Amino acid sequence: MSETIEKVKCLIIGSGPAGYTAAIYAARANMSPVLYQGAQPGGQLTTTNEVENFPGYPEGITGPEMMIQLQKQAERFETDVRDGWITKVDFSGDVHKVWVNDTKEIHCDTVIISTGASAKYLGLESEQKYLKLGGGVSACAVCDGFFYRNQEVVIVGAGDSACEEAHYLSKLCKKVTMLVRRDEFRASKIMAERVKNTPNIEILFNTETEEVLGDGQVVTGVKVFNNQTDEKHEIPATGFFVAIGHKPNTDIFKDYLDLDETGYIINVPGTSKTNVEGVFVSGDAADHVYRQAITAAGTGCMAALDAERWLAAKDTTFEVSTSTYN
């Protein structure tokens, strides 16, 4: 363990839209934020080829480019952006303790958690290939459905989110084929009925994905099999959507923060506050409903403002900065 303990006024864990927005606001409020980028600098958006629904980019922008711009903006206000990730925390006392890469110990006045959530994928080699190429594999219909207008797509999943995304895609795409592993939906009855009654959604029960097909650059179809009969066939498609859930990146906080049954951090409604004083959450680590870059950025702003006000209430020498709101 490191012999030198660093003291930080505001530590931000994570570097997606939530983390960088929190950093921008915290830095402008003279909180001297330190931000650790984590195992995936820039977060999930770095795996997105085109972002066309974030305000301010009329021509669209790639996910990696947007994250570079957000990082530069945070650094412009002197955010200390660092490589590395937080591997352990101790929120049991008045001092919030964190450890970087299992070695460096930091004591923090405030902590803003922006660790996000990771989409679950099937784990097929072909799926991961086209995901990395940005060639037709996605875990977000709202983010990427626009690119498949008037085309045929496949979506995997059986829960409410899968039904919601399939219905969303049906408004854009010529045809949506929905693959359900079992002989029934896990979704609520009303959501299941909605997709069943949508003319351009075809539902294949007891069906699983064997391979995502492509030409080496983009998806051209999906090879599937019936898990009851072993019958195989190919479905022409230009898009392959996976809607089997997300896993919030919150494991290191479970001993100290209140989490819901799936691991999302529970915040005080209408705020970014957690059950631990001085610890705040933003972005997809707490949001299992919207999961958009713009909503993550908004909660990053909230977390910085909440942290600033908390510091001001604790320390009369720290004044809330009016520049935060300009």
Protein backbone atom coordinates (compact mmCIF):
# COMPACT_ATOMS: atom_id res chain seq x y z
CA MET A 1 0.00 0.00 0.00
CA SER A 2 1.13 3.55 -0.64
CA GLU A 3 2.71 5.31 2.30
CA THR A 4 1.42 8.71 1.16
CA ILE A 5 -2.30 9.36 1.42
CA GLU A 6 -3.62 11.99 -0.96
CA LYS A 7 -6.44 14.29 0.15
CA VAL A 8 -9.00 15.37 -2.44
CA LYS A 9 -11.97 17.74 -2.17
CA CYS A 10 -13.99 16.08 -4.93
CA LEU A 11 -13.23 12.69 -6.47
CA ILE A 12 -15.14 11.61 -9.58
CA ILE A 13 -15.16 7.92 -10.42
CA GLY A 14 -15.84 7.32 -14.10
CA SER A 15 -15.40 9.22 -17.34
CA GLY A 16 -18.55 9.02 -19.43
CA PRO A 17 -20.93 11.94 -20.07
CA ALA A 18 -21.95 11.91 -16.39
CA GLY A 19 -18.40 11.96 -15.04
CA TYR A 20 -17.09 14.64 -17.36
CA THR A 21 -20.14 16.87 -16.87
CA ALA A 22 -19.76 16.54 -13.11
CA ALA A 23 -16.11 17.48 -13.53
CA ILE A 24 -16.92 20.58 -15.56
CA TYR A 25 -19.37 21.84 -12.95
CA ALA A 26 -17.19 20.88 -9.99
CA ALA A 27 -14.13 22.54 -11.50
CA ARG A 28 -16.00 25.76 -12.21
CA ALA A 29 -17.10 25.73 -8.57
CA ASN A 30 -13.47 25.66 -7.36
CA MET A 31 -13.80 22.10 -6.04
CA SER A 32 -10.52 20.99 -7.68
CA PRO A 33 -11.97 17.71 -8.93
CA VAL A 34 -9.85 14.65 -9.57
CA LEU A 35 -11.36 12.25 -12.10
CA TYR A 36 -10.28 8.64 -12.62
CA GLN A 37 -11.26 7.40 -16.08
CA GLY A 38 -11.70 3.76 -15.17
CA ALA A 39 -11.16 0.61 -17.20
CA GLN A 40 -13.00 2.07 -20.21
CA PRO A 41 -12.04 5.76 -20.58
CA GLY A 42 -15.02 7.62 -22.00
CA GLY A 43 -17.48 4.91 -21.01
CA GLN A 44 -19.93 3.01 -23.20
CA LEU A 45 -20.25 5.87 -25.67
CA THR A 46 -16.77 5.07 -26.99
CA THR A 47 -18.28 1.93 -28.55
CA THR A 48 -20.87 3.99 -30.46
CA ASN A 49 -20.00 4.87 -34.02
CA GLU A 50 -22.45 7.73 -34.56
CA VAL A 51 -24.24 9.94 -32.03
CA GLU A 52 -27.00 11.99 -33.63
CA ASN A 53 -29.34 12.63 -30.69
CA PHE A 54 -27.10 14.70 -28.41
CA PRO A 55 -28.04 18.41 -28.62
CA GLY A 56 -25.49 20.72 -30.19
CA TYR A 57 -24.21 18.42 -32.94
CA PRO A 58 -26.39 19.08 -36.00
CA GLU A 59 -24.21 16.86 -38.19
CA GLY A 60 -23.78 14.18 -35.55
CA ILE A 61 -20.53 13.06 -33.94
CA THR A 62 -18.80 9.80 -33.12
CA GLY A 63 -18.92 8.59 -29.53
CA PRO A 64 -15.12 8.61 -29.08
CA GLU A 65 -14.85 12.14 -30.51
CA MET A 66 -17.55 13.42 -28.17
CA MET A 67 -15.74 11.94 -25.17
CA ILE A 68 -12.46 13.56 -26.24
CA GLN A 69 -14.23 16.92 -26.45
CA LEU A 70 -15.85 16.47 -23.04
CA GLN A 71 -12.49 15.55 -21.52
CA LYS A 72 -10.84 18.62 -23.04
CA GLN A 73 -13.63 20.82 -21.70
CA ALA A 74 -13.21 19.37 -18.21
CA GLU A 75 -9.43 19.85 -18.41
CA ARG A 76 -9.90 23.43 -19.59
CA PHE A 77 -11.27 24.19 -16.13
CA GLU A 78 -8.33 22.32 -14.56
CA THR A 79 -9.95 19.00 -13.77
CA ASP A 80 -7.19 16.54 -12.92
CA VAL A 81 -8.02 13.66 -15.29
CA ARG A 82 -6.10 10.49 -14.48
CA ASP A 83 -5.67 6.98 -15.82
CA GLY A 84 -6.52 4.11 -13.50
CA TRP A 85 -9.60 2.84 -11.74
CA ILE A 86 -10.93 2.61 -8.24
CA THR A 87 -10.67 -0.97 -6.96
CA LYS A 88 -11.82 -0.56 -3.33
CA VAL A 89 -13.70 1.94 -1.18
CA ASP A 90 -14.41 2.45 2.51
CA PHE A 91 -17.35 4.74 3.24
CA SER A 92 -17.81 3.59 6.83
CA GLY A 93 -16.33 6.67 8.51
CA ASP A 94 -16.39 10.43 8.24
CA VAL A 95 -13.55 10.26 5.70
CA HIS A 96 -14.38 8.67 2.35
CA LYS A 97 -11.49 6.38 1.49
CA VAL A 98 -10.77 4.95 -1.95
CA TRP A 99 -7.93 2.95 -3.42
CA VAL A 100 -6.63 3.27 -6.97
CA ASN A 101 -5.42 0.06 -8.64
CA ASP A 102 -5.27 -1.57 -5.19
CA THR A 103 -2.31 0.61 -4.19
CA LYS A 104 -2.77 4.37 -3.94
CA GLU A 105 -5.02 5.54 -1.07
CA ILE A 106 -7.06 8.74 -1.38
CA HIS A 107 -9.16 10.46 1.29
CA CYS A 108 -12.03 12.46 -0.19
CA ASP A 109 -14.36 15.14 1.13
CA THR A 110 -16.91 14.22 -1.54
CA VAL A 111 -17.23 11.39 -4.04
CA ILE A 112 -19.25 11.41 -7.27
CA ILE A 113 -19.87 7.94 -8.68
CA SER A 114 -20.22 7.85 -12.47
CA THR A 115 -19.23 4.26 -13.15
CA GLY A 116 -22.11 3.55 -15.52
CA ALA A 117 -23.56 0.19 -16.49
CA SER A 118 -22.40 -2.35 -19.03
CA ALA A 119 -24.79 -3.85 -21.56
CA LYS A 120 -25.03 -7.62 -21.47
CA TYR A 121 -24.25 -9.40 -24.72
CA LEU A 122 -24.58 -13.00 -25.82
CA GLY A 123 -20.81 -13.43 -25.94
CA LEU A 124 -20.65 -14.85 -29.46
CA GLU A 125 -17.40 -14.23 -31.30
CA SER A 126 -19.28 -12.96 -34.36
CA GLU A 127 -21.42 -10.67 -32.22
CA GLN A 128 -18.36 -9.10 -30.59
CA LYS A 129 -16.63 -8.76 -33.96
CA TYR A 130 -19.37 -6.61 -35.48
CA LEU A 131 -19.91 -4.75 -32.21
CA LYS A 132 -16.27 -3.62 -32.26
CA LEU A 133 -16.46 -2.78 -35.96
CA GLY A 134 -19.58 -0.68 -35.39
CA GLY A 135 -21.09 -2.69 -38.19
CA GLY A 136 -24.60 -3.46 -37.03
CA VAL A 137 -24.59 -4.82 -33.46
CA SER A 138 -26.13 -2.61 -30.78
CA ALA A 139 -27.59 -2.77 -27.28
CA CYS A 140 -29.59 0.46 -27.61
CA ALA A 141 -32.48 0.81 -30.05
CA VAL A 142 -33.12 4.42 -29.06
CA CYS A 143 -29.47 5.27 -29.76
CA ASP A 144 -29.02 3.39 -33.02
CA GLY A 145 -32.43 2.47 -34.42
CA PHE A 146 -32.46 5.58 -36.60
CA PHE A 147 -29.67 4.12 -38.75
CA TYR A 148 -31.86 1.16 -39.75
CA ARG A 149 -34.85 3.00 -41.14
CA ASN A 150 -36.78 0.90 -43.68
CA GLN A 151 -34.45 -2.04 -43.11
CA GLU A 152 -34.90 -5.45 -41.49
CA VAL A 153 -33.43 -6.06 -38.02
CA VAL A 154 -33.28 -8.77 -35.37
CA ILE A 155 -33.62 -8.20 -31.62
CA VAL A 156 -32.87 -10.68 -28.83
CA GLY A 157 -34.71 -10.51 -25.52
CA ALA A 158 -37.91 -11.38 -23.69
CA GLY A 159 -38.38 -8.77 -20.97
CA ASP A 160 -40.12 -5.42 -20.81
CA SER A 161 -37.07 -3.57 -22.13
CA ALA A 162 -36.79 -5.93 -25.10
CA CYS A 163 -40.47 -5.47 -25.91
CA GLU A 164 -40.17 -1.71 -25.60
CA GLU A 165 -37.13 -1.62 -27.88
CA ALA A 166 -38.74 -3.96 -30.41
CA HIS A 167 -41.82 -1.73 -30.54
CA TYR A 168 -39.60 1.33 -30.94
CA LEU A 169 -37.74 -0.32 -33.83
CA SER A 170 -41.03 -1.32 -35.48
CA LYS A 171 -41.78 2.35 -36.05
CA LEU A 172 -38.54 2.79 -37.98
CA CYS A 173 -37.81 -0.55 -39.60
CA LYS A 174 -39.49 -2.53 -42.35
CA LYS A 175 -39.45 -5.68 -40.25
CA VAL A 176 -38.35 -6.64 -36.72
CA THR A 177 -37.70 -10.29 -35.87
CA MET A 178 -37.73 -10.91 -32.15
CA LEU A 179 -35.86 -13.93 -30.77
CA VAL A 180 -37.21 -15.32 -27.48
CA ARG A 181 -35.26 -18.18 -25.91
CA ARG A 182 -38.22 -19.70 -24.05
CA ASP A 183 -41.80 -20.43 -25.11
CA GLU A 184 -43.11 -17.27 -23.46
CA PHE A 185 -42.13 -13.69 -22.63
CA ARG A 186 -40.73 -12.61 -19.30
CA ALA A 187 -42.29 -9.22 -19.97
CA SER A 188 -45.47 -7.94 -18.42
CA LYS A 189 -48.65 -8.99 -20.20
CA ILE A 190 -49.35 -5.51 -21.56
CA MET A 191 -45.88 -5.19 -23.09
CA ALA A 192 -46.02 -8.69 -24.56
CA GLU A 193 -49.41 -7.99 -26.12
CA ARG A 194 -48.10 -4.76 -27.61
CA VAL A 195 -45.41 -6.52 -29.65
CA LYS A 196 -47.69 -9.44 -30.52
CA ASN A 197 -50.17 -6.98 -31.99
CA THR A 198 -47.60 -5.05 -34.02
CA PRO A 199 -47.86 -6.24 -37.65
CA ASN A 200 -44.20 -5.87 -38.63
CA ILE A 201 -42.81 -7.67 -35.55
CA GLU A 202 -42.31 -11.42 -36.01
CA ILE A 203 -41.72 -13.33 -32.77
CA LEU A 204 -39.76 -16.59 -32.82
CA PHE A 205 -40.12 -18.48 -29.55
CA ASN A 206 -37.66 -21.19 -28.39
CA THR A 207 -35.12 -19.57 -30.70
CA GLU A 208 -31.49 -18.69 -30.04
CA THR A 209 -28.68 -17.07 -31.98
CA GLU A 210 -25.91 -19.28 -33.32
CA GLU A 211 -23.99 -16.68 -35.32
CA VAL A 212 -24.19 -13.07 -36.49
CA LEU A 213 -23.52 -13.11 -40.22
CA GLY A 214 -21.73 -10.37 -42.13
CA ASP A 215 -19.47 -9.44 -45.00
CA GLY A 216 -16.51 -8.59 -42.79
CA GLN A 217 -17.63 -5.01 -42.33
CA VAL A 218 -21.36 -4.96 -41.63
CA VAL A 219 -24.08 -7.35 -40.51
CA THR A 220 -26.01 -9.11 -43.29
CA GLY A 221 -28.02 -11.65 -41.31
CA VAL A 222 -28.38 -13.89 -38.28
CA LYS A 223 -28.15 -17.69 -38.10
CA VAL A 224 -30.58 -19.03 -35.48
CA PHE A 225 -31.71 -22.40 -34.17
CA ASN A 226 -34.80 -23.71 -32.46
CA ASN A 227 -33.72 -25.08 -29.08
CA GLN A 228 -36.55 -27.65 -29.12
CA THR A 229 -36.11 -29.11 -32.61
CA ASP A 230 -32.50 -28.05 -33.43
CA GLU A 231 -33.80 -26.71 -36.72
CA LYS A 232 -31.57 -23.94 -38.08
CA HIS A 233 -32.19 -21.14 -40.53
CA GLU A 234 -30.86 -17.72 -41.50
CA ILE A 235 -32.65 -14.41 -41.13
CA PRO A 236 -31.63 -11.53 -43.44
CA ALA A 237 -30.93 -8.42 -41.37
CA THR A 238 -28.72 -5.36 -41.35
CA GLY A 239 -29.00 -4.78 -37.61
CA PHE A 240 -28.69 -7.07 -34.59
CA PHE A 241 -29.98 -5.63 -31.31
CA VAL A 242 -29.34 -7.26 -27.94
CA ALA A 243 -31.82 -6.42 -25.16
CA ILE A 244 -31.01 -8.89 -22.40
CA GLY A 245 -30.23 -6.35 -19.71
CA HIS A 246 -27.46 -4.20 -18.25
CA LYS A 247 -25.13 -4.75 -15.33
CA PRO A 248 -24.37 -1.61 -13.31
CA ASN A 249 -20.68 -1.23 -12.47
CA THR A 250 -21.29 -0.90 -8.75
CA ASP A 251 -19.89 -4.04 -7.13
CA ILE A 252 -17.22 -2.20 -5.12
CA PHE A 253 -19.88 -0.05 -3.43
CA LYS A 254 -22.27 -2.80 -2.31
CA ASP A 255 -20.98 -2.94 1.29
CA TYR A 256 -21.69 0.76 1.86
CA LEU A 257 -24.38 2.03 -0.53
CA ASP A 258 -28.01 1.00 -0.90
CA LEU A 259 -28.46 -0.90 -4.17
CA ASP A 260 -31.61 -2.28 -5.76
CA GLU A 261 -32.03 -5.97 -6.56
CA THR A 262 -30.13 -5.63 -9.85
CA GLY A 263 -27.27 -3.56 -8.45
CA TYR A 264 -28.24 -0.01 -9.38
CA ILE A 265 -27.39 2.59 -6.73
CA ILE A 266 -30.50 3.97 -5.03
CA ASN A 267 -30.51 7.76 -4.89
CA VAL A 268 -32.76 10.09 -2.93
CA PRO A 269 -35.55 10.92 -5.44
CA GLY A 270 -34.96 14.21 -7.23
CA THR A 271 -31.32 14.36 -6.15
CA SER A 272 -28.00 12.60 -6.69
CA LYS A 273 -27.61 11.82 -2.98
CA THR A 274 -26.95 8.28 -1.78
CA ASN A 275 -27.47 6.88 1.72
CA VAL A 276 -23.91 7.94 2.62
CA GLU A 277 -23.34 11.62 3.38
CA GLY A 278 -20.99 13.23 0.87
CA VAL A 279 -21.30 10.43 -1.69
CA PHE A 280 -23.31 11.16 -4.83
CA VAL A 281 -24.25 9.18 -7.92
CA SER A 282 -24.84 10.15 -11.54
CA GLY A 283 -25.46 8.47 -14.86
CA ASP A 284 -26.25 4.84 -15.57
CA ALA A 285 -24.94 3.58 -12.24
CA ALA A 286 -28.33 4.71 -10.90
CA ASP A 287 -30.46 5.03 -14.05
CA HIS A 288 -32.02 1.82 -15.34
CA VAL A 289 -34.81 3.61 -17.20
CA TYR A 290 -33.43 6.15 -19.68
CA ARG A 291 -29.73 5.24 -20.09
CA GLN A 292 -29.01 8.07 -22.53
CA ALA A 293 -25.93 10.27 -22.83
CA ILE A 294 -27.97 13.43 -22.35
CA THR A 295 -29.70 12.20 -19.18
CA ALA A 296 -26.36 10.99 -17.81
CA ALA A 297 -24.86 14.42 -18.43
CA GLY A 298 -27.81 16.04 -16.66
CA THR A 299 -27.33 13.93 -13.55
CA GLY A 300 -23.61 14.67 -13.65
CA CYS A 301 -24.53 18.34 -13.31
CA MET A 302 -26.88 17.49 -10.43
CA ALA A 303 -24.19 15.53 -8.61
CA ALA A 304 -21.67 18.36 -8.81
CA LEU A 305 -24.23 20.88 -7.56
CA ASP A 306 -25.30 18.59 -4.72
CA ALA A 307 -21.67 17.97 -3.76
CA GLU A 308 -20.92 21.70 -3.82
CA ARG A 309 -23.87 22.51 -1.57
CA TRP A 310 -22.97 19.67 0.79
CA LEU A 311 -19.43 21.02 1.12
CA ALA A 312 -20.76 24.53 1.72
CA ALA A 313 -23.03 23.29 4.49
CA LYS A 314 -20.17 21.40 6.13
CA ASP A 315 -17.54 24.11 5.77
CA THR A 316 -18.47 27.75 6.19
CA THR A 317 -15.21 28.75 4.47
CA PHE A 318 -16.38 27.07 1.25
CA GLU A 319 -18.87 29.24 -0.59
CA VAL A 320 -21.18 28.09 -3.36
CA SER A 321 -19.78 29.48 -6.60
CA THR A 322 -22.16 31.52 -8.75
CA SER A 323 -20.05 30.58 -11.78
CA THR A 324 -21.45 27.06 -11.54
CA TYR A 325 -24.74 28.21 -12.98
CA ASN A 326 -23.36 30.31 -15.84
